[in-house]
Protein backbone atom coordinates (compact mmCIF):
# COMPACT_ATOMS: atom_id res chain seq x y z
CA MET A 1 17.96 184.68 254.19
CA HIS A 2 20.22 185.14 250.97
CA GLU A 3 23.13 187.86 251.35
CA TYR A 4 24.21 189.74 248.22
CA LEU A 5 26.97 191.90 247.40
CA ILE A 6 26.45 195.14 245.46
CA LEU A 7 29.76 196.60 244.17
CA HIS A 8 29.99 200.14 242.51
CA GLY A 9 33.03 200.87 240.97
CA VAL A 10 35.06 204.04 240.24
CA ASN A 11 33.60 207.30 239.71
CA LEU A 12 30.02 206.11 240.75
CA ASN A 13 29.93 207.83 243.89
CA MET A 14 29.47 211.00 241.49
CA PHE A 15 26.16 209.66 239.80
CA GLY A 16 23.78 212.56 240.07
CA ARG A 17 26.56 215.11 239.30
CA ARG A 18 28.42 213.02 236.35
CA ASP A 19 27.16 213.61 232.92
CA PRO A 20 23.34 213.40 233.83
CA ALA A 21 22.57 213.03 229.70
CA GLN A 22 24.03 209.50 230.12
CA TYR A 23 23.74 208.53 233.91
CA GLY A 24 20.42 210.89 235.06
CA THR A 25 20.43 212.57 237.81
CA SER A 26 19.97 209.83 240.56
CA THR A 27 22.45 209.91 243.41
CA LEU A 28 24.24 206.83 244.65
CA ALA A 29 22.62 207.20 247.94
CA GLU A 30 19.10 207.14 245.98
CA ILE A 31 19.84 203.98 243.96
CA ASP A 32 21.34 202.24 247.01
CA ALA A 33 17.97 203.07 249.09
CA ALA A 34 15.98 201.55 246.11
CA LEU A 35 18.12 198.63 246.12
CA ARG A 36 17.45 198.08 250.04
CA ALA A 37 13.74 198.48 249.34
CA LEU A 38 13.83 195.62 246.88
CA ALA A 39 16.01 193.64 249.33
CA VAL A 40 13.22 194.02 251.92
CA GLU A 41 10.52 192.99 249.12
CA LEU A 42 12.52 189.71 248.34
CA GLY A 43 13.52 188.92 251.89
CA VAL A 44 17.12 189.21 251.35
CA ARG A 45 20.13 191.02 253.11
CA LEU A 46 22.39 193.37 250.99
CA ASP A 47 25.97 194.41 251.47
CA ILE A 48 26.69 197.53 249.54
CA PHE A 49 30.14 198.70 248.64
CA GLN A 50 31.90 201.40 246.43
CA THR A 51 35.22 202.32 245.99
CA ASN A 52 37.70 204.24 243.57
CA HIS A 53 40.55 202.12 244.22
CA GLU A 54 40.84 198.99 242.42
CA GLY A 55 42.59 197.10 245.04
CA ARG A 56 40.11 197.62 247.27
CA MET A 57 37.45 196.18 244.85
CA VAL A 58 39.89 193.18 244.46
CA GLU A 59 39.93 192.71 248.24
CA ARG A 60 36.26 192.99 248.65
CA ILE A 61 35.84 190.21 245.82
CA HIS A 62 37.94 188.16 247.69
CA GLN A 63 36.03 188.48 250.97
CA ALA A 64 33.10 187.27 249.34
CA LEU A 65 34.64 184.04 248.98
CA ASP A 66 34.36 183.20 252.61
CA ASP A 67 31.66 185.55 254.04
CA GLY A 68 28.52 183.73 253.00
CA THR A 69 27.68 186.02 249.77
CA ARG A 70 25.16 184.14 247.67
CA GLY A 71 25.73 186.36 244.48
CA ILE A 72 26.98 189.74 243.45
CA VAL A 73 26.03 192.55 241.22
CA ILE A 74 28.51 194.73 240.12
CA ASN A 75 28.93 197.85 238.21
CA ALA A 76 32.68 198.07 237.85
CA GLY A 77 32.38 201.62 235.87
CA ALA A 78 35.47 202.09 233.55
CA TRP A 79 37.07 199.00 234.98
CA THR A 80 34.62 196.92 233.34
CA HIS A 81 36.74 197.59 230.15
CA TYR A 82 40.04 196.76 231.26
CA SER A 83 40.50 195.57 234.70
CA TYR A 84 41.90 191.82 234.39
CA ALA A 85 42.45 191.96 238.08
CA ILE A 86 38.85 192.50 238.78
CA MET A 87 37.92 189.90 236.20
CA ASP A 88 40.59 187.19 237.77
CA ALA A 89 38.74 188.06 241.34
CA LEU A 90 35.48 187.45 240.16
CA GLY A 91 36.46 184.22 238.25
CA MET A 92 37.56 182.80 241.50
CA LEU A 93 33.97 182.66 242.82
CA SER A 94 31.61 179.97 242.65
CA ILE A 95 28.41 182.20 242.91
CA PRO A 96 26.53 184.15 240.24
CA VAL A 97 27.43 187.65 239.09
CA VAL A 98 25.58 189.87 237.39
CA GLU A 99 27.11 192.97 235.53
CA VAL A 100 25.16 196.16 235.09
CA HIS A 101 25.41 199.67 233.66
CA MET A 102 23.09 202.39 233.82
CA SER A 103 24.04 203.81 230.01
CA ASN A 104 23.39 201.68 227.36
CA VAL A 105 27.45 200.74 226.63
CA HIS A 106 26.76 199.36 223.37
CA ALA A 107 25.48 202.73 221.90
CA ARG A 108 28.23 204.65 223.30
CA GLU A 109 32.09 204.80 222.31
CA PRO A 110 33.57 201.66 220.86
CA PHE A 111 35.71 200.99 224.06
CA ARG A 112 32.95 200.65 225.95
CA HIS A 113 31.65 197.89 223.76
CA GLU A 114 34.12 195.28 225.20
CA SER A 115 33.66 194.16 228.74
CA VAL A 116 36.54 191.95 230.48
CA LEU A 117 34.07 190.95 233.01
CA ALA A 118 31.57 189.46 230.64
CA ARG A 119 33.70 186.68 230.59
CA VAL A 120 32.87 185.75 234.34
CA SER A 121 29.25 187.10 234.55
CA ALA A 122 26.07 185.21 234.15
CA GLY A 123 24.78 188.19 232.54
CA SER A 124 24.95 191.92 231.91
CA ILE A 125 22.01 194.50 232.22
CA ALA A 126 22.48 197.56 230.69
CA GLY A 127 20.87 200.94 229.69
CA PHE A 128 17.77 201.14 232.20
CA GLY A 129 19.62 203.82 234.49
CA PRO A 130 18.72 203.08 238.20
CA HIS A 131 16.43 199.94 237.05
CA SER A 132 19.50 198.27 236.17
CA TYR A 133 20.55 197.79 239.41
CA LEU A 134 17.11 196.45 240.32
CA LEU A 135 16.93 194.16 237.45
CA GLY A 136 20.18 192.95 238.41
CA LEU A 137 19.28 192.30 241.94
CA ARG A 138 16.21 190.40 240.84
CA ALA A 139 18.44 188.41 238.29
CA VAL A 140 21.12 187.42 240.57
CA HIS A 141 18.25 186.44 243.28
CA ALA A 142 16.86 184.27 240.83
CA LEU A 143 20.24 182.54 239.71
CA ALA A 144 21.01 182.07 243.28
CA ALA A 145 18.01 180.08 244.30
CA PRO A 146 18.57 176.67 245.20
CA ASP A 147 16.75 174.86 242.36
CA GLY A 148 17.44 177.87 239.85
CA SER A 149 13.92 179.11 239.81
CA PRO A 150 12.81 182.73 239.96
CA CYS A 151 12.07 183.59 243.59
């Protein structure tokens, strides 16, 4: 059984209340429940972590170096666009990282078009609301397969 880490960044605990036009009305608890249901379907375990503190996010990523994590799905929120600390922490890993975003960041303000995390991510999924997370989990699961084939 694989273990994957889902990382939710700054302000994402406010899903359902934060700008519903961009992020919809799903709460973080609902997104996490959908991820857990998909994990059961895939036969994998998840560790889900959310923080509004950049240092805590970096420390949780460091922990993934030694805790058996096989892949990471991350929505870093605003940190996506400027956190070299999170980028450096993810860059230490030898496991797949998939970046996800609920909104289509490329159709929004220009500062959202740049992701410093893209440099250390296998890929990015954006614009599909809560489904971005589910697609991200499926992608990281396929990437972490021993033979690289879809699971």
